[in-house]
Amino acid sequence: MKKLVRLRHDRMIAGVLSGLAAHMNMDATVVRLLFVALLLITGIMPFALLYALAVFIIPSEEDVI
């Protein structure tokens, strides 16, 4: 079973979205574009807060391996 981790090799800011993309077997660019679209549609704050929480909740790749 694949674990959800923040990736180190494909990160833009903290690796949350690339880790989520790898976990769901999707392209990281698609996940990033969906995130930005939802970020703008919802007025930035809800998804920005979720991203900030994910940085602290989802373990980094080097912490798990």
PDB file of N, CA and C in Angstrom:
ATOM      1  N   MET A   1       0.837  -1.180   0.000  1.00  0.00           N
ATOM      2  CA  MET A   1       0.000   0.000   0.000  1.00  0.00           C
ATOM      3  C   MET A   1       0.886   1.249   0.000  1.00  0.00           C
ATOM      4  N   LYS A   2       0.555   2.167  -0.887  1.00  0.00           N
ATOM      5  CA  LYS A   2       1.313   3.406  -0.991  1.00  0.00           C
ATOM      6  C   LYS A   2       0.963   4.351   0.142  1.00  0.00           C
ATOM      7  N   LYS A   3       1.976   4.974   0.699  1.00  0.00           N
ATOM      8  CA  LYS A   3       1.744   5.975   1.740  1.00  0.00           C
ATOM      9  C   LYS A   3       1.751   7.361   1.122  1.00  0.00           C
ATOM     10  N   LEU A   4       0.965   8.232   1.700  1.00  0.00           N
ATOM     11  CA  LEU A   4       0.930   9.619   1.257  1.00  0.00           C
ATOM     12  C   LEU A   4       2.059  10.365   1.950  1.00  0.00           C
ATOM     13  N   VAL A   5       3.003  10.852   1.148  1.00  0.00           N
ATOM     14  CA  VAL A   5       4.140  11.606   1.677  1.00  0.00           C
ATOM     15  C   VAL A   5       4.355  12.848   0.820  1.00  0.00           C
ATOM     16  N   ARG A   6       5.033  13.823   1.392  1.00  0.00           N
ATOM     17  CA  ARG A   6       5.439  15.000   0.629  1.00  0.00           C
ATOM     18  C   ARG A   6       6.728  14.651  -0.097  1.00  0.00           C
ATOM     19  N   LEU A   7       6.680  14.688  -1.429  1.00  0.00           N
ATOM     20  CA  LEU A   7       7.841  14.295  -2.216  1.00  0.00           C
ATOM     21  C   LEU A   7       8.920  15.361  -2.202  1.00  0.00           C
ATOM     22  N   ARG A   8      10.140  14.899  -2.295  1.00  0.00           N
ATOM     23  CA  ARG A   8      11.274  15.814  -2.273  1.00  0.00           C
ATOM     24  C   ARG A   8      11.744  16.164  -3.682  1.00  0.00           C
ATOM     25  N   HIS A   9      11.639  15.232  -4.594  1.00  0.00           N
ATOM     26  CA  HIS A   9      12.221  15.423  -5.923  1.00  0.00           C
ATOM     27  C   HIS A   9      11.340  16.224  -6.889  1.00  0.00           C
ATOM     28  N   ASP A  10      10.053  16.347  -6.627  1.00  0.00           N
ATOM     29  CA  ASP A  10       9.147  17.025  -7.563  1.00  0.00           C
ATOM     30  C   ASP A  10       8.381  18.141  -6.859  1.00  0.00           C
ATOM     31  N   ARG A  11       9.009  18.805  -5.911  1.00  0.00           N
ATOM     32  CA  ARG A  11       8.290  19.816  -5.133  1.00  0.00           C
ATOM     33  C   ARG A  11       8.442  21.189  -5.755  1.00  0.00           C
ATOM     34  N   MET A  12       7.371  21.964  -5.583  1.00  0.00           N
ATOM     35  CA  MET A  12       7.404  23.370  -5.987  1.00  0.00           C
ATOM     36  C   MET A  12       7.540  24.223  -4.727  1.00  0.00           C
ATOM     37  N   ILE A  13       6.686  23.973  -3.737  1.00  0.00           N
ATOM     38  CA  ILE A  13       6.763  24.708  -2.477  1.00  0.00           C
ATOM     39  C   ILE A  13       7.145  23.742  -1.357  1.00  0.00           C
ATOM     40  N   ALA A  14       6.235  22.834  -1.021  1.00  0.00           N
ATOM     41  CA  ALA A  14       6.529  21.905   0.072  1.00  0.00           C
ATOM     42  C   ALA A  14       6.366  20.444  -0.334  1.00  0.00           C
ATOM     43  N   GLY A  15       5.950  20.166  -1.553  1.00  0.00           N
ATOM     44  CA  GLY A  15       5.821  18.799  -2.026  1.00  0.00           C
ATOM     45  C   GLY A  15       4.488  18.139  -1.735  1.00  0.00           C
ATOM     46  N   VAL A  16       3.525  18.892  -1.212  1.00  0.00           N
ATOM     47  CA  VAL A  16       2.226  18.318  -0.862  1.00  0.00           C
ATOM     48  C   VAL A  16       1.479  17.861  -2.108  1.00  0.00           C
ATOM     49  N   LEU A  17       1.378  18.722  -3.099  1.00  0.00           N
ATOM     50  CA  LEU A  17       0.596  18.391  -4.289  1.00  0.00           C
ATOM     51  C   LEU A  17       1.268  17.321  -5.142  1.00  0.00           C
ATOM     52  N   SER A  18       2.588  17.319  -5.214  1.00  0.00           N
ATOM     53  CA  SER A  18       3.262  16.262  -5.972  1.00  0.00           C
ATOM     54  C   SER A  18       3.139  14.922  -5.251  1.00  0.00           C
ATOM     55  N   GLY A  19       3.155  14.940  -3.939  1.00  0.00           N
ATOM     56  CA  GLY A  19       2.940  13.707  -3.177  1.00  0.00           C
ATOM     57  C   GLY A  19       1.527  13.185  -3.350  1.00  0.00           C
ATOM     58  N   LEU A  20       0.560  14.089  -3.358  1.00  0.00           N
ATOM     59  CA  LEU A  20      -0.837  13.707  -3.588  1.00  0.00           C
ATOM     60  C   LEU A  20      -1.013  13.145  -4.988  1.00  0.00           C
ATOM     61  N   ALA A  21      -0.376  13.749  -5.968  1.00  0.00           N
ATOM     62  CA  ALA A  21      -0.453  13.267  -7.345  1.00  0.00           C
ATOM     63  C   ALA A  21       0.160  11.877  -7.472  1.00  0.00           C
ATOM     64  N   ALA A  22       1.296  11.655  -6.853  1.00  0.00           N
ATOM     65  CA  ALA A  22       1.937  10.335  -6.902  1.00  0.00           C
ATOM     66  C   ALA A  22       1.079   9.291  -6.201  1.00  0.00           C
ATOM     67  N   HIS A  23       0.442   9.673  -5.117  1.00  0.00           N
ATOM     68  CA  HIS A  23      -0.415   8.755  -4.372  1.00  0.00           C
ATOM     69  C   HIS A  23      -1.630   8.337  -5.197  1.00  0.00           C
ATOM     70  N   MET A  24      -2.152   9.267  -6.025  1.00  0.00           N
ATOM     71  CA  MET A  24      -3.336   8.986  -6.838  1.00  0.00           C
ATOM     72  C   MET A  24      -2.979   8.587  -8.268  1.00  0.00           C
ATOM     73  N   ASN A  25      -1.696   8.389  -8.559  1.00  0.00           N
ATOM     74  CA  ASN A  25      -1.211   8.031  -9.895  1.00  0.00           C
ATOM     75  C   ASN A  25      -1.677   9.022 -10.952  1.00  0.00           C
ATOM     76  N   MET A  26      -1.527  10.299 -10.658  1.00  0.00           N
ATOM     77  CA  MET A  26      -1.888  11.370 -11.584  1.00  0.00           C
ATOM     78  C   MET A  26      -0.648  12.210 -11.881  1.00  0.00           C
ATOM     79  N   ASP A  27      -0.761  13.032 -12.904  1.00  0.00           N
ATOM     80  CA  ASP A  27       0.305  13.965 -13.231  1.00  0.00           C
ATOM     81  C   ASP A  27       0.276  15.114 -12.229  1.00  0.00           C
ATOM     82  N   ALA A  28       1.429  15.487 -11.720  1.00  0.00           N
ATOM     83  CA  ALA A  28       1.502  16.543 -10.708  1.00  0.00           C
ATOM     84  C   ALA A  28       1.021  17.884 -11.261  1.00  0.00           C
ATOM     85  N   THR A  29       1.231  18.128 -12.538  1.00  0.00           N
ATOM     86  CA  THR A  29       0.780  19.385 -13.133  1.00  0.00           C
ATOM     87  C   THR A  29      -0.735  19.496 -13.110  1.00  0.00           C
ATOM     88  N   VAL A  30      -1.425  18.399 -13.373  1.00  0.00           N
ATOM     89  CA  VAL A  30      -2.892  18.396 -13.344  1.00  0.00           C
ATOM     90  C   VAL A  30      -3.388  18.687 -11.932  1.00  0.00           C
ATOM     91  N   VAL A  31      -2.784  18.068 -10.946  1.00  0.00           N
ATOM     92  CA  VAL A  31      -3.186  18.292  -9.554  1.00  0.00           C
ATOM     93  C   VAL A  31      -2.915  19.739  -9.159  1.00  0.00           C
ATOM     94  N   ARG A  32      -1.794  20.279  -9.576  1.00  0.00           N
ATOM     95  CA  ARG A  32      -1.474  21.676  -9.260  1.00  0.00           C
ATOM     96  C   ARG A  32      -2.460  22.643  -9.912  1.00  0.00           C
ATOM     97  N   LEU A  33      -2.824  22.381 -11.160  1.00  0.00           N
ATOM     98  CA  LEU A  33      -3.787  23.238 -11.848  1.00  0.00           C
ATOM     99  C   LEU A  33      -5.166  23.165 -11.201  1.00  0.00           C
ATOM    100  N   LEU A  34      -5.591  21.974 -10.814  1.00  0.00           N
ATOM    101  CA  LEU A  34      -6.867  21.827 -10.111  1.00  0.00           C
ATOM    102  C   LEU A  34      -6.839  22.566  -8.777  1.00  0.00           C
ATOM    103  N   PHE A  35      -5.730  22.472  -8.076  1.00  0.00           N
ATOM    104  CA  PHE A  35      -5.601  23.160  -6.797  1.00  0.00           C
ATOM    105  C   PHE A  35      -5.693  24.672  -6.974  1.00  0.00           C
ATOM    106  N   VAL A  36      -5.004  25.209  -7.967  1.00  0.00           N
ATOM    107  CA  VAL A  36      -5.036  26.655  -8.205  1.00  0.00           C
ATOM    108  C   VAL A  36      -6.439  27.101  -8.608  1.00  0.00           C
ATOM    109  N   ALA A  37      -7.110  26.306  -9.445  1.00  0.00           N
ATOM    110  CA  ALA A  37      -8.479  26.647  -9.845  1.00  0.00           C
ATOM    111  C   ALA A  37      -9.400  26.673  -8.631  1.00  0.00           C
ATOM    112  N   LEU A  38      -9.315  25.643  -7.780  1.00  0.00           N
ATOM    113  CA  LEU A  38     -10.142  25.611  -6.573  1.00  0.00           C
ATOM    114  C   LEU A  38      -9.752  26.718  -5.598  1.00  0.00           C
ATOM    115  N   LEU A  39      -8.493  27.038  -5.553  1.00  0.00           N
ATOM    116  CA  LEU A  39      -8.007  28.123  -4.699  1.00  0.00           C
ATOM    117  C   LEU A  39      -8.650  29.449  -5.092  1.00  0.00           C
ATOM    118  N   LEU A  40      -8.698  29.705  -6.392  1.00  0.00           N
ATOM    119  CA  LEU A  40      -9.272  30.961  -6.872  1.00  0.00           C
ATOM    120  C   LEU A  40     -10.793  30.979  -6.772  1.00  0.00           C
ATOM    121  N   ILE A  41     -11.436  29.849  -7.025  1.00  0.00           N
ATOM    122  CA  ILE A  41     -12.906  29.778  -6.977  1.00  0.00           C
ATOM    123  C   ILE A  41     -13.420  29.984  -5.554  1.00  0.00           C
ATOM    124  N   THR A  42     -12.737  29.415  -4.578  1.00  0.00           N
ATOM    125  CA  THR A  42     -13.227  29.480  -3.198  1.00  0.00           C
ATOM    126  C   THR A  42     -12.766  30.724  -2.445  1.00  0.00           C
ATOM    127  N   GLY A  43     -12.040  31.594  -3.089  1.00  0.00           N
ATOM    128  CA  GLY A  43     -11.613  32.812  -2.419  1.00  0.00           C
ATOM    129  C   GLY A  43     -10.314  32.661  -1.656  1.00  0.00           C
ATOM    130  N   ILE A  44      -9.458  31.793  -2.075  1.00  0.00           N
ATOM    131  CA  ILE A  44      -8.087  31.588  -1.598  1.00  0.00           C
ATOM    132  C   ILE A  44      -7.976  30.997  -0.183  1.00  0.00           C
ATOM    133  N   MET A  45      -8.641  31.565   0.775  1.00  0.00           N
ATOM    134  CA  MET A  45      -8.396  31.198   2.170  1.00  0.00           C
ATOM    135  C   MET A  45      -8.650  29.727   2.520  1.00  0.00           C
ATOM    136  N   PRO A  46      -9.770  29.091   2.129  1.00  0.00           N
ATOM    137  CA  PRO A  46      -9.974  27.701   2.561  1.00  0.00           C
ATOM    138  C   PRO A  46      -8.887  26.743   2.070  1.00  0.00           C
ATOM    139  N   PHE A  47      -8.524  26.838   0.793  1.00  0.00           N
ATOM    140  CA  PHE A  47      -7.529  25.906   0.276  1.00  0.00           C
ATOM    141  C   PHE A  47      -6.117  26.273   0.697  1.00  0.00           C
ATOM    142  N   ALA A  48      -5.856  27.547   0.924  1.00  0.00           N
ATOM    143  CA  ALA A  48      -4.548  27.941   1.453  1.00  0.00           C
ATOM    144  C   ALA A  48      -4.372  27.379   2.861  1.00  0.00           C
ATOM    145  N   LEU A  49      -5.425  27.411   3.651  1.00  0.00           N
ATOM    146  CA  LEU A  49      -5.374  26.849   5.001  1.00  0.00           C
ATOM    147  C   LEU A  49      -5.199  25.331   4.959  1.00  0.00           C
ATOM    148  N   LEU A  50      -5.910  24.660   4.044  1.00  0.00           N
ATOM    149  CA  LEU A  50      -5.756  23.207   3.898  1.00  0.00           C
ATOM    150  C   LEU A  50      -4.328  22.839   3.494  1.00  0.00           C
ATOM    151  N   TYR A  51      -3.750  23.619   2.588  1.00  0.00           N
ATOM    152  CA  TYR A  51      -2.383  23.355   2.157  1.00  0.00           C
ATOM    153  C   TYR A  51      -1.402  23.525   3.324  1.00  0.00           C
ATOM    154  N   ALA A  52      -1.592  24.593   4.088  1.00  0.00           N
ATOM    155  CA  ALA A  52      -0.720  24.838   5.240  1.00  0.00           C
ATOM    156  C   ALA A  52      -0.844  23.715   6.270  1.00  0.00           C
ATOM    157  N   LEU A  53      -2.047  23.246   6.504  1.00  0.00           N
ATOM    158  CA  LEU A  53      -2.241  22.119   7.429  1.00  0.00           C
ATOM    159  C   LEU A  53      -1.601  20.844   6.896  1.00  0.00           C
ATOM    160  N   ALA A  54      -1.711  20.627   5.583  1.00  0.00           N
ATOM    161  CA  ALA A  54      -1.141  19.426   4.971  1.00  0.00           C
ATOM    162  C   ALA A  54       0.374  19.399   5.099  1.00  0.00           C
ATOM    163  N   VAL A  55       1.001  20.562   5.060  1.00  0.00           N
ATOM    164  CA  VAL A  55       2.457  20.627   5.203  1.00  0.00           C
ATOM    165  C   VAL A  55       2.880  20.065   6.560  1.00  0.00           C
ATOM    166  N   PHE A  56       2.089  20.324   7.588  1.00  0.00           N
ATOM    167  CA  PHE A  56       2.432  19.842   8.922  1.00  0.00           C
ATOM    168  C   PHE A  56       1.934  18.429   9.201  1.00  0.00           C
ATOM    169  N   ILE A  57       0.863  18.001   8.539  1.00  0.00           N
ATOM    170  CA  ILE A  57       0.269  16.691   8.812  1.00  0.00           C
ATOM    171  C   ILE A  57       0.925  15.585   7.991  1.00  0.00           C
ATOM    172  N   ILE A  58       1.147  15.812   6.706  1.00  0.00           N
ATOM    173  CA  ILE A  58       1.708  14.787   5.824  1.00  0.00           C
ATOM    174  C   ILE A  58       3.218  14.719   6.042  1.00  0.00           C
ATOM    175  N   PRO A  59       3.737  13.537   6.336  1.00  0.00           N
ATOM    176  CA  PRO A  59       5.172  13.431   6.596  1.00  0.00           C
ATOM    177  C   PRO A  59       5.999  13.613   5.324  1.00  0.00           C
ATOM    178  N   SER A  60       7.206  14.088   5.490  1.00  0.00           N
ATOM    179  CA  SER A  60       8.118  14.257   4.369  1.00  0.00           C
ATOM    180  C   SER A  60       8.653  12.887   3.941  1.00  0.00           C
ATOM    181  N   GLU A  61       9.057  12.802   2.700  1.00  0.00           N
ATOM    182  CA  GLU A  61       9.551  11.546   2.150  1.00  0.00           C
ATOM    183  C   GLU A  61      10.750  11.017   2.935  1.00  0.00           C
ATOM    184  N   GLU A  62      11.653  11.896   3.336  1.00  0.00           N
ATOM    185  CA  GLU A  62      12.841  11.420   4.055  1.00  0.00           C
ATOM    186  C   GLU A  62      12.533  11.002   5.483  1.00  0.00           C
ATOM    187  N   ASP A  63      11.417  11.437   6.044  1.00  0.00           N
ATOM    188  CA  ASP A  63      11.028  11.011   7.377  1.00  0.00           C
ATOM    189  C   ASP A  63      10.464   9.593   7.389  1.00  0.00           C
ATOM    190  N   VAL A  64       9.872   9.171   6.274  1.00  0.00           N
ATOM    191  CA  VAL A  64       9.221   7.867   6.195  1.00  0.00           C
ATOM    192  C   VAL A  64      10.200   6.783   5.794  1.00  0.00           C
ATOM    193  N   ILE A  65      11.124   7.100   4.885  1.00  0.00           N
ATOM    194  CA  ILE A  65      12.036   6.079   4.355  1.00  0.00           C
ATOM    195  C   ILE A  65      13.176   5.797   5.297  1.00  0.00           C
TER     196      ILE A  65
END
